PDB file of N, CA and C in Angstrom:
ATOM      1  N   MET A   1       2.872  36.926  38.067  1.00  0.00           N
ATOM      2  CA  MET A   1       2.172  36.981  36.794  1.00  0.00           C
ATOM      3  C   MET A   1       0.963  36.053  36.891  1.00  0.00           C
ATOM      4  N   SER A   2      -0.191  36.566  36.551  1.00  0.00           N
ATOM      5  CA  SER A   2      -1.392  35.742  36.643  1.00  0.00           C
ATOM      6  C   SER A   2      -1.380  34.685  35.541  1.00  0.00           C
ATOM      7  N   ILE A   3      -2.130  33.609  35.759  1.00  0.00           N
ATOM      8  CA  ILE A   3      -2.185  32.526  34.783  1.00  0.00           C
ATOM      9  C   ILE A   3      -2.782  33.009  33.467  1.00  0.00           C
ATOM     10  N   THR A   4      -3.703  33.976  33.521  1.00  0.00           N
ATOM     11  CA  THR A   4      -4.301  34.517  32.301  1.00  0.00           C
ATOM     12  C   THR A   4      -3.253  35.278  31.499  1.00  0.00           C
ATOM     13  N   LYS A   5      -2.496  36.140  32.177  1.00  0.00           N
ATOM     14  CA  LYS A   5      -1.440  36.883  31.487  1.00  0.00           C
ATOM     15  C   LYS A   5      -0.384  35.928  30.951  1.00  0.00           C
ATOM     16  N   LEU A   6      -0.067  34.895  31.700  1.00  0.00           N
ATOM     17  CA  LEU A   6       0.913  33.916  31.256  1.00  0.00           C
ATOM     18  C   LEU A   6       0.438  33.219  29.996  1.00  0.00           C
ATOM     19  N   ALA A   7      -0.830  32.850  29.929  1.00  0.00           N
ATOM     20  CA  ALA A   7      -1.364  32.189  28.739  1.00  0.00           C
ATOM     21  C   ALA A   7      -1.235  33.088  27.522  1.00  0.00           C
ATOM     22  N   VAL A   8      -1.492  34.381  27.684  1.00  0.00           N
ATOM     23  CA  VAL A   8      -1.358  35.321  26.573  1.00  0.00           C
ATOM     24  C   VAL A   8       0.099  35.440  26.145  1.00  0.00           C
ATOM     25  N   VAL A   9       1.022  35.528  27.105  1.00  0.00           N
ATOM     26  CA  VAL A   9       2.448  35.623  26.794  1.00  0.00           C
ATOM     27  C   VAL A   9       2.914  34.387  26.030  1.00  0.00           C
ATOM     28  N   VAL A  10       2.530  33.201  26.502  1.00  0.00           N
ATOM     29  CA  VAL A  10       2.945  31.960  25.844  1.00  0.00           C
ATOM     30  C   VAL A  10       2.379  31.892  24.435  1.00  0.00           C
ATOM     31  N   LEU A  11       1.112  32.205  24.266  1.00  0.00           N
ATOM     32  CA  LEU A  11       0.487  32.121  22.950  1.00  0.00           C
ATOM     33  C   LEU A  11       1.101  33.116  21.989  1.00  0.00           C
ATOM     34  N   LEU A  12       1.263  34.363  22.395  1.00  0.00           N
ATOM     35  CA  LEU A  12       1.817  35.376  21.503  1.00  0.00           C
ATOM     36  C   LEU A  12       3.260  35.069  21.124  1.00  0.00           C
ATOM     37  N   SER A  13       3.991  34.449  22.013  1.00  0.00           N
ATOM     38  CA  SER A  13       5.399  34.178  21.722  1.00  0.00           C
ATOM     39  C   SER A  13       5.601  32.923  20.892  1.00  0.00           C
ATOM     40  N   THR A  14       4.564  32.148  20.627  1.00  0.00           N
ATOM     41  CA  THR A  14       4.727  30.908  19.879  1.00  0.00           C
ATOM     42  C   THR A  14       3.936  30.878  18.579  1.00  0.00           C
ATOM     43  N   LEU A  15       3.432  32.000  18.131  1.00  0.00           N
ATOM     44  CA  LEU A  15       2.617  32.001  16.928  1.00  0.00           C
ATOM     45  C   LEU A  15       3.424  31.778  15.654  1.00  0.00           C
ATOM     46  N   THR A  16       4.735  31.830  15.729  1.00  0.00           N
ATOM     47  CA  THR A  16       5.562  31.535  14.576  1.00  0.00           C
ATOM     48  C   THR A  16       5.950  30.064  14.633  1.00  0.00           C
ATOM     49  N   LEU A  17       5.639  29.320  13.578  1.00  0.00           N
ATOM     50  CA  LEU A  17       5.967  27.884  13.570  1.00  0.00           C
ATOM     51  C   LEU A  17       7.468  27.675  13.677  1.00  0.00           C
ATOM     52  N   GLY A  18       7.833  26.619  14.374  1.00  0.00           N
ATOM     53  CA  GLY A  18       9.236  26.287  14.528  1.00  0.00           C
ATOM     54  C   GLY A  18       9.904  27.024  15.673  1.00  0.00           C
ATOM     55  N   LEU A  19       9.208  27.927  16.305  1.00  0.00           N
ATOM     56  CA  LEU A  19       9.791  28.710  17.384  1.00  0.00           C
ATOM     57  C   LEU A  19       9.376  28.133  18.722  1.00  0.00           C
ATOM     58  N   SER A  20      10.363  27.744  19.503  1.00  0.00           N
ATOM     59  CA  SER A  20      10.072  27.309  20.866  1.00  0.00           C
ATOM     60  C   SER A  20      10.027  28.541  21.744  1.00  0.00           C
ATOM     61  N   SER A  21       9.312  28.448  22.830  1.00  0.00           N
ATOM     62  CA  SER A  21       9.209  29.581  23.736  1.00  0.00           C
ATOM     63  C   SER A  21       9.259  29.089  25.174  1.00  0.00           C
ATOM     64  N   VAL A  22       9.818  29.910  26.034  1.00  0.00           N
ATOM     65  CA  VAL A  22       9.847  29.599  27.460  1.00  0.00           C
ATOM     66  C   VAL A  22       9.217  30.772  28.197  1.00  0.00           C
ATOM     67  N   ALA A  23       8.235  30.503  29.004  1.00  0.00           N
ATOM     68  CA  ALA A  23       7.630  31.520  29.864  1.00  0.00           C
ATOM     69  C   ALA A  23       7.880  31.101  31.299  1.00  0.00           C
ATOM     70  N   VAL A  24       8.151  32.055  32.149  1.00  0.00           N
ATOM     71  CA  VAL A  24       8.380  31.746  33.555  1.00  0.00           C
ATOM     72  C   VAL A  24       7.188  32.251  34.355  1.00  0.00           C
ATOM     73  N   ALA A  25       6.552  31.345  35.034  1.00  0.00           N
ATOM     74  CA  ALA A  25       5.377  31.675  35.842  1.00  0.00           C
ATOM     75  C   ALA A  25       5.811  31.954  37.273  1.00  0.00           C
ATOM     76  N   LYS A  26       4.855  32.219  38.084  1.00  0.00           N
ATOM     77  CA  LYS A  26       5.085  32.438  39.500  1.00  0.00           C
ATOM     78  C   LYS A  26       5.797  31.220  40.090  1.00  0.00           C
ATOM     79  N   ASP A  27       6.626  31.422  41.083  1.00  0.00           N
ATOM     80  CA  ASP A  27       7.413  30.368  41.734  1.00  0.00           C
ATOM     81  C   ASP A  27       8.458  29.764  40.801  1.00  0.00           C
ATOM     82  N   ASN A  28       8.871  30.518  39.773  1.00  0.00           N
ATOM     83  CA  ASN A  28       9.940  30.097  38.855  1.00  0.00           C
ATOM     84  C   ASN A  28       9.636  28.816  38.087  1.00  0.00           C
ATOM     85  N   ILE A  29       8.386  28.557  37.808  1.00  0.00           N
ATOM     86  CA  ILE A  29       8.001  27.380  37.032  1.00  0.00           C
ATOM     87  C   ILE A  29       8.137  27.722  35.555  1.00  0.00           C
ATOM     88  N   LYS A  30       8.931  26.959  34.821  1.00  0.00           N
ATOM     89  CA  LYS A  30       9.122  27.209  33.395  1.00  0.00           C
ATOM     90  C   LYS A  30       8.096  26.436  32.578  1.00  0.00           C
ATOM     91  N   ILE A  31       7.516  27.116  31.604  1.00  0.00           N
ATOM     92  CA  ILE A  31       6.583  26.476  30.687  1.00  0.00           C
ATOM     93  C   ILE A  31       7.169  26.609  29.291  1.00  0.00           C
ATOM     94  N   ILE A  32       7.492  25.492  28.671  1.00  0.00           N
ATOM     95  CA  ILE A  32       8.076  25.489  27.339  1.00  0.00           C
ATOM     96  C   ILE A  32       7.001  25.044  26.356  1.00  0.00           C
ATOM     97  N   THR A  33       6.872  25.772  25.248  1.00  0.00           N
ATOM     98  CA  THR A  33       5.893  25.413  24.227  1.00  0.00           C
ATOM     99  C   THR A  33       6.582  25.227  22.885  1.00  0.00           C
ATOM    100  N   ASN A  34       5.958  24.428  22.025  1.00  0.00           N
ATOM    101  CA  ASN A  34       6.489  24.209  20.683  1.00  0.00           C
ATOM    102  C   ASN A  34       5.378  23.656  19.797  1.00  0.00           C
ATOM    103  N   TRP A  35       5.500  23.883  18.500  1.00  0.00           N
ATOM    104  CA  TRP A  35       4.562  23.337  17.523  1.00  0.00           C
ATOM    105  C   TRP A  35       5.014  21.940  17.126  1.00  0.00           C
ATOM    106  N   LEU A  36       4.128  20.950  17.207  1.00  0.00           N
ATOM    107  CA  LEU A  36       4.446  19.575  16.820  1.00  0.00           C
ATOM    108  C   LEU A  36       3.509  19.137  15.699  1.00  0.00           C
ATOM    109  N   TYR A  37       4.080  18.478  14.695  1.00  0.00           N
ATOM    110  CA  TYR A  37       3.312  18.035  13.537  1.00  0.00           C
ATOM    111  C   TYR A  37       2.422  16.839  13.897  1.00  0.00           C
ATOM    112  N   ALA A  38       1.160  16.906  13.512  1.00  0.00           N
ATOM    113  CA  ALA A  38       0.223  15.800  13.736  1.00  0.00           C
ATOM    114  C   ALA A  38       0.439  14.781  12.622  1.00  0.00           C
ATOM    115  N   LYS A  39       1.434  13.924  12.785  1.00  0.00           N
ATOM    116  CA  LYS A  39       1.894  13.020  11.725  1.00  0.00           C
ATOM    117  C   LYS A  39       0.855  12.034  11.226  1.00  0.00           C
ATOM    118  N   LYS A  40       0.141  11.428  12.097  1.00  0.00           N
ATOM    119  CA  LYS A  40      -0.778  10.366  11.682  1.00  0.00           C
ATOM    120  C   LYS A  40      -2.217  10.853  11.659  1.00  0.00           C
ATOM    121  N   LYS A  41      -2.380  12.162  11.462  1.00  0.00           N
ATOM    122  CA  LYS A  41      -3.710  12.762  11.421  1.00  0.00           C
ATOM    123  C   LYS A  41      -4.535  12.408  12.661  1.00  0.00           C
ATOM    124  N   VAL A  42      -3.921  12.620  13.813  1.00  0.00           N
ATOM    125  CA  VAL A  42      -4.631  12.392  15.072  1.00  0.00           C
ATOM    126  C   VAL A  42      -4.848  13.743  15.749  1.00  0.00           C
ATOM    127  N   ASP A  43      -5.709  13.784  16.751  1.00  0.00           N
ATOM    128  CA  ASP A  43      -5.992  15.039  17.436  1.00  0.00           C
ATOM    129  C   ASP A  43      -4.783  15.543  18.221  1.00  0.00           C
ATOM    130  N   CYS A  44      -4.857  16.799  18.648  1.00  0.00           N
ATOM    131  CA  CYS A  44      -3.739  17.417  19.354  1.00  0.00           C
ATOM    132  C   CYS A  44      -3.425  16.768  20.706  1.00  0.00           C
ATOM    133  N   PRO A  45      -4.428  16.368  21.514  1.00  0.00           N
ATOM    134  CA  PRO A  45      -4.064  15.688  22.758  1.00  0.00           C
ATOM    135  C   PRO A  45      -3.238  14.417  22.509  1.00  0.00           C
ATOM    136  N   THR A  46      -3.555  13.677  21.450  1.00  0.00           N
ATOM    137  CA  THR A  46      -2.796  12.467  21.126  1.00  0.00           C
ATOM    138  C   THR A  46      -1.416  12.817  20.591  1.00  0.00           C
ATOM    139  N   THR A  47      -1.336  13.835  19.716  1.00  0.00           N
ATOM    140  CA  THR A  47      -0.051  14.268  19.155  1.00  0.00           C
ATOM    141  C   THR A  47       0.889  14.723  20.257  1.00  0.00           C
ATOM    142  N   CYS A  48       0.408  15.584  21.139  1.00  0.00           N
ATOM    143  CA  CYS A  48       1.254  16.089  22.224  1.00  0.00           C
ATOM    144  C   CYS A  48       1.611  14.972  23.207  1.00  0.00           C
ATOM    145  N   GLY A  49       0.660  14.132  23.529  1.00  0.00           N
ATOM    146  CA  GLY A  49       0.877  13.051  24.485  1.00  0.00           C
ATOM    147  C   GLY A  49       1.880  12.014  24.033  1.00  0.00           C
ATOM    148  N   ALA A  50       2.135  11.940  22.722  1.00  0.00           N
ATOM    149  CA  ALA A  50       3.066  10.949  22.180  1.00  0.00           C
ATOM    150  C   ALA A  50       4.529  11.385  22.296  1.00  0.00           C
ATOM    151  N   THR A  51       4.781  12.605  22.735  1.00  0.00           N
ATOM    152  CA  THR A  51       6.161  13.081  22.859  1.00  0.00           C
ATOM    153  C   THR A  51       6.641  12.902  24.299  1.00  0.00           C
ATOM    154  N   LEU A  52       7.954  12.908  24.461  1.00  0.00           N
ATOM    155  CA  LEU A  52       8.514  12.731  25.798  1.00  0.00           C
ATOM    156  C   LEU A  52       8.417  13.986  26.651  1.00  0.00           C
ATOM    157  N   SER A  53       8.607  15.159  26.030  1.00  0.00           N
ATOM    158  CA  SER A  53       8.647  16.372  26.836  1.00  0.00           C
ATOM    159  C   SER A  53       7.418  17.269  26.696  1.00  0.00           C
ATOM    160  N   MET A  54       6.860  17.380  25.509  1.00  0.00           N
ATOM    161  CA  MET A  54       5.722  18.280  25.268  1.00  0.00           C
ATOM    162  C   MET A  54       4.411  17.513  25.367  1.00  0.00           C
ATOM    163  N   LYS A  55       4.063  17.044  26.524  1.00  0.00           N
ATOM    164  CA  LYS A  55       2.931  16.133  26.681  1.00  0.00           C
ATOM    165  C   LYS A  55       1.559  16.804  26.701  1.00  0.00           C
ATOM    166  N   ILE A  56       1.494  18.109  26.913  1.00  0.00           N
ATOM    167  CA  ILE A  56       0.207  18.761  27.158  1.00  0.00           C
ATOM    168  C   ILE A  56      -0.178  19.675  25.997  1.00  0.00           C
ATOM    169  N   PRO A  57      -1.364  19.476  25.417  1.00  0.00           N
ATOM    170  CA  PRO A  57      -1.800  20.401  24.360  1.00  0.00           C
ATOM    171  C   PRO A  57      -2.229  21.736  24.968  1.00  0.00           C
ATOM    172  N   MET A  58      -1.889  22.820  24.288  1.00  0.00           N
ATOM    173  CA  MET A  58      -2.358  24.134  24.721  1.00  0.00           C
ATOM    174  C   MET A  58      -3.812  24.242  24.279  1.00  0.00           C
ATOM    175  N   VAL A  59      -4.673  24.629  25.185  1.00  0.00           N
ATOM    176  CA  VAL A  59      -6.092  24.691  24.870  1.00  0.00           C
ATOM    177  C   VAL A  59      -6.592  26.130  24.915  1.00  0.00           C
ATOM    178  N   SER A  60      -7.619  26.390  24.112  1.00  0.00           N
ATOM    179  CA  SER A  60      -8.180  27.739  24.062  1.00  0.00           C
ATOM    180  C   SER A  60      -9.571  27.792  24.676  1.00  0.00           C
ATOM    181  N   GLY A  61     -10.076  26.671  25.095  1.00  0.00           N
ATOM    182  CA  GLY A  61     -11.397  26.644  25.693  1.00  0.00           C
ATOM    183  C   GLY A  61     -11.890  25.228  25.884  1.00  0.00           C
ATOM    184  N   ILE A  62     -13.164  25.114  26.222  1.00  0.00           N
ATOM    185  CA  ILE A  62     -13.784  23.817  26.461  1.00  0.00           C
ATOM    186  C   ILE A  62     -15.040  23.718  25.604  1.00  0.00           C
ATOM    187  N   ASN A  63     -15.192  22.604  24.891  1.00  0.00           N
ATOM    188  CA  ASN A  63     -16.382  22.352  24.090  1.00  0.00           C
ATOM    189  C   ASN A  63     -17.429  21.731  25.020  1.00  0.00           C
ATOM    190  N   ARG A  64     -18.504  22.450  25.262  1.00  0.00           N
ATOM    191  CA  ARG A  64     -19.533  21.994  26.195  1.00  0.00           C
ATOM    192  C   ARG A  64     -20.843  21.715  25.462  1.00  0.00           C
ATOM    193  N   GLU A  65     -20.840  20.678  24.634  1.00  0.00           N
ATOM    194  CA  GLU A  65     -22.065  20.301  23.932  1.00  0.00           C
ATOM    195  C   GLU A  65     -23.048  19.708  24.929  1.00  0.00           C
ATOM    196  N   LYS A  66     -24.288  20.098  24.806  1.00  0.00           N
ATOM    197  CA  LYS A  66     -25.317  19.631  25.730  1.00  0.00           C
ATOM    198  C   LYS A  66     -25.440  18.105  25.655  1.00  0.00           C
ATOM    199  N   GLY A  67     -25.435  17.474  26.799  1.00  0.00           N
ATOM    200  CA  GLY A  67     -25.588  16.028  26.871  1.00  0.00           C
ATOM    201  C   GLY A  67     -24.307  15.247  26.664  1.00  0.00           C
ATOM    202  N   LYS A  68     -23.177  15.944  26.424  1.00  0.00           N
ATOM    203  CA  LYS A  68     -21.903  15.269  26.220  1.00  0.00           C
ATOM    204  C   LYS A  68     -20.883  15.740  27.255  1.00  0.00           C
ATOM    205  N   LYS A  69     -19.875  14.921  27.466  1.00  0.00           N
ATOM    206  CA  LYS A  69     -18.810  15.254  28.394  1.00  0.00           C
ATOM    207  C   LYS A  69     -17.998  16.434  27.837  1.00  0.00           C
ATOM    208  N   PRO A  70     -17.693  17.467  28.666  1.00  0.00           N
ATOM    209  CA  PRO A  70     -16.885  18.598  28.188  1.00  0.00           C
ATOM    210  C   PRO A  70     -15.510  18.121  27.711  1.00  0.00           C
ATOM    211  N   LYS A  71     -15.058  18.659  26.568  1.00  0.00           N
ATOM    212  CA  LYS A  71     -13.771  18.268  25.995  1.00  0.00           C
ATOM    213  C   LYS A  71     -12.980  19.512  25.607  1.00  0.00           C
ATOM    214  N   PRO A  72     -11.630  19.442  25.701  1.00  0.00           N
ATOM    215  CA  PRO A  72     -10.810  20.618  25.402  1.00  0.00           C
ATOM    216  C   PRO A  72     -10.783  20.948  23.906  1.00  0.00           C
ATOM    217  N   ILE A  73     -10.591  22.245  23.632  1.00  0.00           N
ATOM    218  CA  ILE A  73     -10.396  22.730  22.271  1.00  0.00           C
ATOM    219  C   ILE A  73      -8.929  23.133  22.183  1.00  0.00           C
ATOM    220  N   SER A  74      -8.140  22.414  21.381  1.00  0.00           N
ATOM    221  CA  SER A  74      -6.701  22.635  21.301  1.00  0.00           C
ATOM    222  C   SER A  74      -6.345  23.667  20.234  1.00  0.00           C
ATOM    223  N   ILE A  75      -5.187  24.312  20.407  1.00  0.00           N
ATOM    224  CA  ILE A  75      -4.688  25.298  19.448  1.00  0.00           C
ATOM    225  C   ILE A  75      -3.850  24.584  18.396  1.00  0.00           C
ATOM    226  N   CYS A  76      -4.118  24.895  17.127  1.00  0.00           N
ATOM    227  CA  CYS A  76      -3.371  24.270  16.024  1.00  0.00           C
ATOM    228  C   CYS A  76      -3.096  25.316  14.942  1.00  0.00           C
ATOM    229  N   ALA A  77      -2.345  24.928  13.923  1.00  0.00           N
ATOM    230  CA  ALA A  77      -2.057  25.804  12.786  1.00  0.00           C
ATOM    231  C   ALA A  77      -2.041  24.971  11.508  1.00  0.00           C
ATOM    232  N   THR A  78      -2.581  25.548  10.427  1.00  0.00           N
ATOM    233  CA  THR A  78      -2.613  24.861   9.139  1.00  0.00           C
ATOM    234  C   THR A  78      -2.499  25.882   8.009  1.00  0.00           C
ATOM    235  N   GLN A  79      -2.266  25.391   6.810  1.00  0.00           N
ATOM    236  CA  GLN A  79      -2.228  26.219   5.615  1.00  0.00           C
ATOM    237  C   GLN A  79      -3.443  25.908   4.751  1.00  0.00           C
ATOM    238  N   LYS A  80      -3.848  26.867   3.933  1.00  0.00           N
ATOM    239  CA  LYS A  80      -4.926  26.615   2.988  1.00  0.00           C
ATOM    240  C   LYS A  80      -4.291  25.989   1.744  1.00  0.00           C
ATOM    241  N   ASP A  81      -4.808  24.853   1.330  1.00  0.00           N
ATOM    242  CA  ASP A  81      -4.321  24.158   0.133  1.00  0.00           C
ATOM    243  C   ASP A  81      -2.823  23.851   0.168  1.00  0.00           C
ATOM    244  N   ARG A  82      -2.272  23.611   1.344  1.00  0.00           N
ATOM    245  CA  ARG A  82      -0.866  23.239   1.535  1.00  0.00           C
ATOM    246  C   ARG A  82       0.132  24.255   0.991  1.00  0.00           C
ATOM    247  N   LYS A  83      -0.267  25.502   0.910  1.00  0.00           N
ATOM    248  CA  LYS A  83       0.659  26.552   0.478  1.00  0.00           C
ATOM    249  C   LYS A  83       0.259  27.865   1.136  1.00  0.00           C
ATOM    250  N   GLY A  84       1.133  28.834   1.053  1.00  0.00           N
ATOM    251  CA  GLY A  84       0.830  30.141   1.609  1.00  0.00           C
ATOM    252  C   GLY A  84       1.074  30.220   3.097  1.00  0.00           C
ATOM    253  N   PRO A  85       0.500  31.249   3.729  1.00  0.00           N
ATOM    254  CA  PRO A  85       0.758  31.473   5.159  1.00  0.00           C
ATOM    255  C   PRO A  85       0.064  30.434   6.046  1.00  0.00           C
ATOM    256  N   TRP A  86       0.558  30.339   7.266  1.00  0.00           N
ATOM    257  CA  TRP A  86      -0.039  29.461   8.268  1.00  0.00           C
ATOM    258  C   TRP A  86      -1.067  30.248   9.055  1.00  0.00           C
ATOM    259  N   PHE A  87      -2.184  29.621   9.355  1.00  0.00           N
ATOM    260  CA  PHE A  87      -3.256  30.230  10.131  1.00  0.00           C
ATOM    261  C   PHE A  87      -3.446  29.438  11.414  1.00  0.00           C
ATOM    262  N   THR A  88      -3.627  30.150  12.537  1.00  0.00           N
ATOM    263  CA  THR A  88      -3.924  29.440  13.783  1.00  0.00           C
ATOM    264  C   THR A  88      -5.423  29.165  13.855  1.00  0.00           C
ATOM    265  N   GLY A  89      -5.759  28.035  14.447  1.00  0.00           N
ATOM    266  CA  GLY A  89      -7.148  27.628  14.553  1.00  0.00           C
ATOM    267  C   GLY A  89      -7.347  26.714  15.739  1.00  0.00           C
ATOM    268  N   TYR A  90      -8.322  25.819  15.604  1.00  0.00           N
ATOM    269  CA  TYR A  90      -8.607  24.919  16.713  1.00  0.00           C
ATOM    270  C   TYR A  90      -8.775  23.484  16.224  1.00  0.00           C
ATOM    271  N   ASN A  91      -8.460  22.570  17.126  1.00  0.00           N
ATOM    272  CA  ASN A  91      -8.612  21.141  16.886  1.00  0.00           C
ATOM    273  C   ASN A  91      -9.510  20.601  17.988  1.00  0.00           C
ATOM    274  N   LEU A  92     -10.620  19.996  17.596  1.00  0.00           N
ATOM    275  CA  LEU A  92     -11.536  19.417  18.570  1.00  0.00           C
ATOM    276  C   LEU A  92     -11.075  18.017  18.956  1.00  0.00           C
ATOM    277  N   TRP A  93     -11.352  17.638  20.168  1.00  0.00           N
ATOM    278  CA  TRP A  93     -11.014  16.324  20.699  1.00  0.00           C
ATOM    279  C   TRP A  93     -11.500  15.241  19.748  1.00  0.00           C
ATOM    280  N   GLU A  94     -10.639  14.300  19.430  1.00  0.00           N
ATOM    281  CA  GLU A  94     -10.910  13.135  18.581  1.00  0.00           C
ATOM    282  C   GLU A  94     -11.225  13.495  17.126  1.00  0.00           C
ATOM    283  N   GLU A  95     -10.846  14.699  16.678  1.00  0.00           N
ATOM    284  CA  GLU A  95     -10.987  15.055  15.265  1.00  0.00           C
ATOM    285  C   GLU A  95      -9.601  15.176  14.650  1.00  0.00           C
ATOM    286  N   ASN A  96      -9.500  14.918  13.364  1.00  0.00           N
ATOM    287  CA  ASN A  96      -8.192  14.909  12.720  1.00  0.00           C
ATOM    288  C   ASN A  96      -8.021  16.052  11.723  1.00  0.00           C
ATOM    289  N   THR A  97      -8.540  17.227  12.061  1.00  0.00           N
ATOM    290  CA  THR A  97      -8.338  18.420  11.241  1.00  0.00           C
ATOM    291  C   THR A  97      -8.084  19.624  12.140  1.00  0.00           C
ATOM    292  N   CYS A  98      -7.527  20.659  11.535  1.00  0.00           N
ATOM    293  CA  CYS A  98      -7.364  21.944  12.198  1.00  0.00           C
ATOM    294  C   CYS A  98      -8.315  22.903  11.499  1.00  0.00           C
ATOM    295  N   THR A  99      -9.246  23.465  12.230  1.00  0.00           N
ATOM    296  CA  THR A  99     -10.258  24.344  11.651  1.00  0.00           C
ATOM    297  C   THR A  99      -9.839  25.802  11.830  1.00  0.00           C
ATOM    298  N   VAL A 100      -9.805  26.542  10.702  1.00  0.00           N
ATOM    299  CA  VAL A 100      -9.443  27.960  10.726  1.00  0.00           C
ATOM    300  C   VAL A 100     -10.469  28.755   9.926  1.00  0.00           C
ATOM    301  N   GLY A 101     -10.565  30.034  10.228  1.00  0.00           N
ATOM    302  CA  GLY A 101     -11.426  30.920   9.464  1.00  0.00           C
ATOM    303  C   GLY A 101     -10.599  31.656   8.425  1.00  0.00           C
ATOM    304  N   ILE A 102     -10.923  31.475   7.139  1.00  0.00           N
ATOM    305  CA  ILE A 102     -10.202  32.129   6.051  1.00  0.00           C
ATOM    306  C   ILE A 102     -11.224  32.744   5.107  1.00  0.00           C
ATOM    307  N   GLY A 103     -11.155  34.046   4.934  1.00  0.00           N
ATOM    308  CA  GLY A 103     -12.066  34.714   4.013  1.00  0.00           C
ATOM    309  C   GLY A 103     -13.529  34.574   4.390  1.00  0.00           C
ATOM    310  N   GLY A 104     -13.835  34.534   5.666  1.00  0.00           N
ATOM    311  CA  GLY A 104     -15.212  34.420   6.117  1.00  0.00           C
ATOM    312  C   GLY A 104     -15.778  33.010   6.062  1.00  0.00           C
ATOM    313  N   LYS A 105     -14.948  32.020   5.720  1.00  0.00           N
ATOM    314  CA  LYS A 105     -15.400  30.630   5.656  1.00  0.00           C
ATOM    315  C   LYS A 105     -14.509  29.757   6.539  1.00  0.00           C
ATOM    316  N   GLU A 106     -15.065  28.629   6.970  1.00  0.00           N
ATOM    317  CA  GLU A 106     -14.267  27.662   7.730  1.00  0.00           C
ATOM    318  C   GLU A 106     -13.501  26.766   6.776  1.00  0.00           C
ATOM    319  N   TYR A 107     -12.249  26.518   7.115  1.00  0.00           N
ATOM    320  CA  TYR A 107     -11.404  25.617   6.336  1.00  0.00           C
ATOM    321  C   TYR A 107     -10.879  24.546   7.290  1.00  0.00           C
ATOM    322  N   HIS A 108     -10.960  23.293   6.885  1.00  0.00           N
ATOM    323  CA  HIS A 108     -10.516  22.174   7.727  1.00  0.00           C
ATOM    324  C   HIS A 108      -9.240  21.584   7.130  1.00  0.00           C
ATOM    325  N   GLY A 109      -8.087  22.015   7.656  1.00  0.00           N
ATOM    326  CA  GLY A 109      -6.798  21.527   7.164  1.00  0.00           C
ATOM    327  C   GLY A 109      -6.475  20.158   7.719  1.00  0.00           C
ATOM    328  N   GLU A 110      -6.112  19.248   6.828  1.00  0.00           N
ATOM    329  CA  GLU A 110      -5.759  17.894   7.266  1.00  0.00           C
ATOM    330  C   GLU A 110      -4.274  17.763   7.574  1.00  0.00           C
ATOM    331  N   ARG A 111      -3.468  18.709   7.163  1.00  0.00           N
ATOM    332  CA  ARG A 111      -2.034  18.748   7.473  1.00  0.00           C
ATOM    333  C   ARG A 111      -1.849  19.906   8.445  1.00  0.00           C
ATOM    334  N   TYR A 112      -1.510  19.604   9.704  1.00  0.00           N
ATOM    335  CA  TYR A 112      -1.474  20.666  10.710  1.00  0.00           C
ATOM    336  C   TYR A 112      -0.483  20.388  11.832  1.00  0.00           C
ATOM    337  N   TYR A 113      -0.213  21.438  12.579  1.00  0.00           N
ATOM    338  CA  TYR A 113       0.650  21.389  13.745  1.00  0.00           C
ATOM    339  C   TYR A 113      -0.189  21.689  14.985  1.00  0.00           C
ATOM    340  N   CYS A 114       0.214  21.094  16.097  1.00  0.00           N
ATOM    341  CA  CYS A 114      -0.451  21.325  17.381  1.00  0.00           C
ATOM    342  C   CYS A 114       0.493  22.115  18.285  1.00  0.00           C
ATOM    343  N   LEU A 115      -0.047  23.032  19.058  1.00  0.00           N
ATOM    344  CA  LEU A 115       0.752  23.778  20.028  1.00  0.00           C
ATOM    345  C   LEU A 115       0.773  22.974  21.326  1.00  0.00           C
ATOM    346  N   CYS A 116       1.957  22.489  21.685  1.00  0.00           N
ATOM    347  CA  CYS A 116       2.113  21.618  22.848  1.00  0.00           C
ATOM    348  C   CYS A 116       2.994  22.291  23.903  1.00  0.00           C
ATOM    349  N   SER A 117       2.872  21.821  25.137  1.00  0.00           N
ATOM    350  CA  SER A 117       3.562  22.444  26.254  1.00  0.00           C
ATOM    351  C   SER A 117       4.055  21.396  27.251  1.00  0.00           C
ATOM    352  N   THR A 118       4.997  21.816  28.074  1.00  0.00           N
ATOM    353  CA  THR A 118       5.490  20.945  29.143  1.00  0.00           C
ATOM    354  C   THR A 118       4.572  20.978  30.355  1.00  0.00           C
ATOM    355  N   ARG A 119       3.728  22.003  30.454  1.00  0.00           N
ATOM    356  CA  ARG A 119       2.789  22.147  31.570  1.00  0.00           C
ATOM    357  C   ARG A 119       1.469  22.647  31.048  1.00  0.00           C
ATOM    358  N   GLY A 120       0.406  22.342  31.769  1.00  0.00           N
ATOM    359  CA  GLY A 120      -0.921  22.783  31.354  1.00  0.00           C
ATOM    360  C   GLY A 120      -1.238  24.189  31.839  1.00  0.00           C
ATOM    361  N   ILE A 121      -1.967  24.910  31.016  1.00  0.00           N
ATOM    362  CA  ILE A 121      -2.479  26.219  31.397  1.00  0.00           C
ATOM    363  C   ILE A 121      -3.981  26.142  31.214  1.00  0.00           C
ATOM    364  N   GLN A 122      -4.737  26.401  32.256  1.00  0.00           N
ATOM    365  CA  GLN A 122      -6.184  26.287  32.185  1.00  0.00           C
ATOM    366  C   GLN A 122      -6.770  27.410  31.346  1.00  0.00           C
ATOM    367  N   PRO A 123      -7.720  27.092  30.465  1.00  0.00           N
ATOM    368  CA  PRO A 123      -8.380  28.143  29.684  1.00  0.00           C
ATOM    369  C   PRO A 123      -9.311  28.966  30.558  1.00  0.00           C
ATOM    370  N   LEU A 124      -9.646  30.153  30.070  1.00  0.00           N
ATOM    371  CA  LEU A 124     -10.614  30.979  30.792  1.00  0.00           C
ATOM    372  C   LEU A 124     -11.951  30.282  30.773  1.00  0.00           C
ATOM    373  N   ARG A 125     -12.722  30.420  31.805  1.00  0.00           N
ATOM    374  CA  ARG A 125     -14.020  29.747  31.881  1.00  0.00           C
ATOM    375  C   ARG A 125     -15.135  30.676  31.531  1.00  0.00           C
TER     376      ARG A 125
END
């Protein structure tokens, strides 16, 4: 299974909050993912890194601002106004919100979950 297909399998199987998922990659390497709450309003790399097993944030790409060091864009989920359905979005390095598109507008949720993993999966370049 290619790493790209594996990333899609892991992401699709974990879009429901509270659901852990296990994907098996080539050479029988298990990748376990889970949603972790960003308790102290910190970014996803910090949230994931603070756990014993889910140390790696799942990333959807790289933020390449001109003149700045490239930084990962992490996958997160938040609700609009703390109620209703959960929306998946992104968390930028060193930011304390989860940004999602709702109704054609950006919403920055301050209460959010980060998608964390036991192993890293490189984003498409």
